[in-house]
PDB file of N, CA and C in Angstrom:
ATOM      1  N   MET A   1      20.444 101.104 143.095  1.00  0.00           N
ATOM      2  CA  MET A   1      21.869 101.049 143.352  1.00  0.00           C
ATOM      3  C   MET A   1      22.323  99.602 143.448  1.00  0.00           C
ATOM      4  N   GLY A   2      21.494  98.770 144.056  1.00  0.00           N
ATOM      5  CA  GLY A   2      21.851  97.361 144.198  1.00  0.00           C
ATOM      6  C   GLY A   2      22.038  96.680 142.859  1.00  0.00           C
ATOM      7  N   ALA A   3      21.141  96.978 141.926  1.00  0.00           N
ATOM      8  CA  ALA A   3      21.248  96.367 140.592  1.00  0.00           C
ATOM      9  C   ALA A   3      22.509  96.849 139.883  1.00  0.00           C
ATOM     10  N   ALA A   4      22.823  98.113 140.032  1.00  0.00           N
ATOM     11  CA  ALA A   4      24.018  98.662 139.384  1.00  0.00           C
ATOM     12  C   ALA A   4      25.277  98.036 139.968  1.00  0.00           C
ATOM     13  N   LEU A   5      25.301  97.835 141.268  1.00  0.00           N
ATOM     14  CA  LEU A   5      26.466  97.218 141.892  1.00  0.00           C
ATOM     15  C   LEU A   5      26.585  95.749 141.507  1.00  0.00           C
ATOM     16  N   SER A   6      25.443  95.080 141.358  1.00  0.00           N
ATOM     17  CA  SER A   6      25.466  93.688 140.902  1.00  0.00           C
ATOM     18  C   SER A   6      26.000  93.600 139.480  1.00  0.00           C
ATOM     19  N   LEU A   7      25.579  94.526 138.635  1.00  0.00           N
ATOM     20  CA  LEU A   7      26.076  94.566 137.257  1.00  0.00           C
ATOM     21  C   LEU A   7      27.578  94.833 137.245  1.00  0.00           C
ATOM     22  N   ALA A   8      28.027  95.764 138.054  1.00  0.00           N
ATOM     23  CA  ALA A   8      29.457  96.055 138.140  1.00  0.00           C
ATOM     24  C   ALA A   8      30.234  94.819 138.567  1.00  0.00           C
ATOM     25  N   GLN A   9      29.713  94.110 139.548  1.00  0.00           N
ATOM     26  CA  GLN A   9      30.385  92.899 140.015  1.00  0.00           C
ATOM     27  C   GLN A   9      30.452  91.862 138.897  1.00  0.00           C
ATOM     28  N   ALA A  10      29.361  91.706 138.164  1.00  0.00           N
ATOM     29  CA  ALA A  10      29.328  90.747 137.058  1.00  0.00           C
ATOM     30  C   ALA A  10      30.331  91.112 135.967  1.00  0.00           C
ATOM     31  N   LEU A  11      30.584  92.405 135.817  1.00  0.00           N
ATOM     32  CA  LEU A  11      31.541  92.871 134.808  1.00  0.00           C
ATOM     33  C   LEU A  11      32.974  92.907 135.336  1.00  0.00           C
ATOM     34  N   GLY A  12      33.137  92.563 136.602  1.00  0.00           N
ATOM     35  CA  GLY A  12      34.469  92.547 137.185  1.00  0.00           C
ATOM     36  C   GLY A  12      34.979  93.902 137.625  1.00  0.00           C
ATOM     37  N   ILE A  13      34.047  94.830 137.870  1.00  0.00           N
ATOM     38  CA  ILE A  13      34.410  96.182 138.305  1.00  0.00           C
ATOM     39  C   ILE A  13      34.323  96.250 139.820  1.00  0.00           C
ATOM     40  N   ASN A  14      35.329  96.830 140.437  1.00  0.00           N
ATOM     41  CA  ASN A  14      35.358  96.986 141.887  1.00  0.00           C
ATOM     42  C   ASN A  14      34.129  97.768 142.353  1.00  0.00           C
ATOM     43  N   ALA A  15      33.435  97.260 143.374  1.00  0.00           N
ATOM     44  CA  ALA A  15      32.210  97.883 143.869  1.00  0.00           C
ATOM     45  C   ALA A  15      32.445  99.301 144.376  1.00  0.00           C
ATOM     46  N   LEU A  16      33.573  99.559 145.003  1.00  0.00           N
ATOM     47  CA  LEU A  16      33.855 100.912 145.499  1.00  0.00           C
ATOM     48  C   LEU A  16      34.012 101.899 144.352  1.00  0.00           C
ATOM     49  N   ILE A  17      34.670 101.461 143.296  1.00  0.00           N
ATOM     50  CA  ILE A  17      34.830 102.329 142.125  1.00  0.00           C
ATOM     51  C   ILE A  17      33.477 102.572 141.478  1.00  0.00           C
ATOM     52  N   ALA A  18      32.680 101.524 141.347  1.00  0.00           N
ATOM     53  CA  ALA A  18      31.354 101.659 140.744  1.00  0.00           C
ATOM     54  C   ALA A  18      30.493 102.619 141.565  1.00  0.00           C
ATOM     55  N   ALA A  19      30.513 102.486 142.880  1.00  0.00           N
ATOM     56  CA  ALA A  19      29.719 103.364 143.737  1.00  0.00           C
ATOM     57  C   ALA A  19      30.172 104.811 143.611  1.00  0.00           C
ATOM     58  N   GLU A  20      31.451 105.010 143.408  1.00  0.00           N
ATOM     59  CA  GLU A  20      31.989 106.367 143.248  1.00  0.00           C
ATOM     60  C   GLU A  20      31.545 106.986 141.922  1.00  0.00           C
ATOM     61  N   LEU A  21      31.461 106.172 140.882  1.00  0.00           N
ATOM     62  CA  LEU A  21      31.145 106.679 139.542  1.00  0.00           C
ATOM     63  C   LEU A  21      29.644 106.738 139.247  1.00  0.00           C
ATOM     64  N   LEU A  22      28.841 105.994 139.972  1.00  0.00           N
ATOM     65  CA  LEU A  22      27.416 105.908 139.666  1.00  0.00           C
ATOM     66  C   LEU A  22      26.692 107.254 139.585  1.00  0.00           C
ATOM     67  N   PRO A  23      26.893 108.176 140.502  1.00  0.00           N
ATOM     68  CA  PRO A  23      26.165 109.455 140.396  1.00  0.00           C
ATOM     69  C   PRO A  23      26.459 110.198 139.085  1.00  0.00           C
ATOM     70  N   GLU A  24      27.694 110.166 138.636  1.00  0.00           N
ATOM     71  CA  GLU A  24      28.038 110.851 137.390  1.00  0.00           C
ATOM     72  C   GLU A  24      27.437 110.138 136.183  1.00  0.00           C
ATOM     73  N   ILE A  25      27.487 108.816 136.210  1.00  0.00           N
ATOM     74  CA  ILE A  25      26.904 108.027 135.121  1.00  0.00           C
ATOM     75  C   ILE A  25      25.394 108.261 135.072  1.00  0.00           C
ATOM     76  N   GLU A  26      24.762 108.283 136.234  1.00  0.00           N
ATOM     77  CA  GLU A  26      23.325 108.496 136.291  1.00  0.00           C
ATOM     78  C   GLU A  26      22.952 109.877 135.739  1.00  0.00           C
ATOM     79  N   ALA A  27      23.734 110.884 136.056  1.00  0.00           N
ATOM     80  CA  ALA A  27      23.447 112.237 135.562  1.00  0.00           C
ATOM     81  C   ALA A  27      23.495 112.279 134.033  1.00  0.00           C
ATOM     82  N   VAL A  28      24.476 111.621 133.445  1.00  0.00           N
ATOM     83  CA  VAL A  28      24.579 111.584 131.987  1.00  0.00           C
ATOM     84  C   VAL A  28      23.385 110.835 131.396  1.00  0.00           C
ATOM     85  N   MET A  29      23.021 109.726 132.012  1.00  0.00           N
ATOM     86  CA  MET A  29      21.887 108.944 131.514  1.00  0.00           C
ATOM     87  C   MET A  29      20.599 109.768 131.548  1.00  0.00           C
ATOM     88  N   VAL A  30      20.385 110.514 132.617  1.00  0.00           N
ATOM     89  CA  VAL A  30      19.179 111.327 132.741  1.00  0.00           C
ATOM     90  C   VAL A  30      19.169 112.427 131.691  1.00  0.00           C
ATOM     91  N   ARG A  31      20.308 113.085 131.471  1.00  0.00           N
ATOM     92  CA  ARG A  31      20.370 114.137 130.449  1.00  0.00           C
ATOM     93  C   ARG A  31      20.051 113.586 129.067  1.00  0.00           C
ATOM     94  N   LYS A  32      20.645 112.440 128.730  1.00  0.00           N
ATOM     95  CA  LYS A  32      20.425 111.842 127.415  1.00  0.00           C
ATOM     96  C   LYS A  32      18.981 111.384 127.253  1.00  0.00           C
ATOM     97  N   LEU A  33      18.404 110.822 128.291  1.00  0.00           N
ATOM     98  CA  LEU A  33      17.012 110.394 128.229  1.00  0.00           C
ATOM     99  C   LEU A  33      16.098 111.603 128.029  1.00  0.00           C
ATOM    100  N   ASN A  34      16.366 112.678 128.753  1.00  0.00           N
ATOM    101  CA  ASN A  34      15.577 113.898 128.591  1.00  0.00           C
ATOM    102  C   ASN A  34      15.697 114.452 127.177  1.00  0.00           C
ATOM    103  N   GLU A  35      16.894 114.418 126.603  1.00  0.00           N
ATOM    104  CA  GLU A  35      17.081 114.879 125.223  1.00  0.00           C
ATOM    105  C   GLU A  35      16.257 114.044 124.250  1.00  0.00           C
ATOM    106  N   GLN A  36      16.267 112.730 124.446  1.00  0.00           N
ATOM    107  CA  GLN A  36      15.497 111.846 123.571  1.00  0.00           C
ATOM    108  C   GLN A  36      13.999 112.102 123.705  1.00  0.00           C
ATOM    109  N   MET A  37      13.551 112.277 124.922  1.00  0.00           N
ATOM    110  CA  MET A  37      12.109 112.522 125.137  1.00  0.00           C
ATOM    111  C   MET A  37      11.707 113.858 124.541  1.00  0.00           C
ATOM    112  N   LYS A  38      12.543 114.863 124.682  1.00  0.00           N
ATOM    113  CA  LYS A  38      12.254 116.181 124.115  1.00  0.00           C
ATOM    114  C   LYS A  38      12.211 116.093 122.597  1.00  0.00           C
ATOM    115  N   GLY A  39      13.123 115.353 121.998  1.00  0.00           N
ATOM    116  CA  GLY A  39      13.148 115.175 120.546  1.00  0.00           C
ATOM    117  C   GLY A  39      11.893 114.490 120.029  1.00  0.00           C
ATOM    118  N   ARG A  40      11.365 113.557 120.774  1.00  0.00           N
ATOM    119  CA  ARG A  40      10.138 112.863 120.356  1.00  0.00           C
ATOM    120  C   ARG A  40       8.921 113.768 120.442  1.00  0.00           C
ATOM    121  N   ARG A  41       8.902 114.654 121.428  1.00  0.00           N
ATOM    122  CA  ARG A  41       7.770 115.582 121.561  1.00  0.00           C
ATOM    123  C   ARG A  41       7.784 116.602 120.441  1.00  0.00           C
ATOM    124  N   ASN A  42       8.997 117.043 120.076  1.00  0.00           N
ATOM    125  CA  ASN A  42       9.123 118.059 119.029  1.00  0.00           C
ATOM    126  C   ASN A  42       9.141 117.443 117.643  1.00  0.00           C
ATOM    127  N   GLY A  43       9.276 116.099 117.586  1.00  0.00           N
ATOM    128  CA  GLY A  43       9.446 115.285 116.419  1.00  0.00           C
ATOM    129  C   GLY A  43       8.808 115.691 115.199  1.00  0.00           C
TER     130      GLY A  43
END
């Protein structure tokens, strides 16, 4: 979380907004990563 908030700060994004959005962003990232890993196994 600390790294994500640091990145948000570097990009000029309000930390409170970033903290609010992080769980949703993380869920999408996990789904996409799982899809990619599944595609490689079935490749």
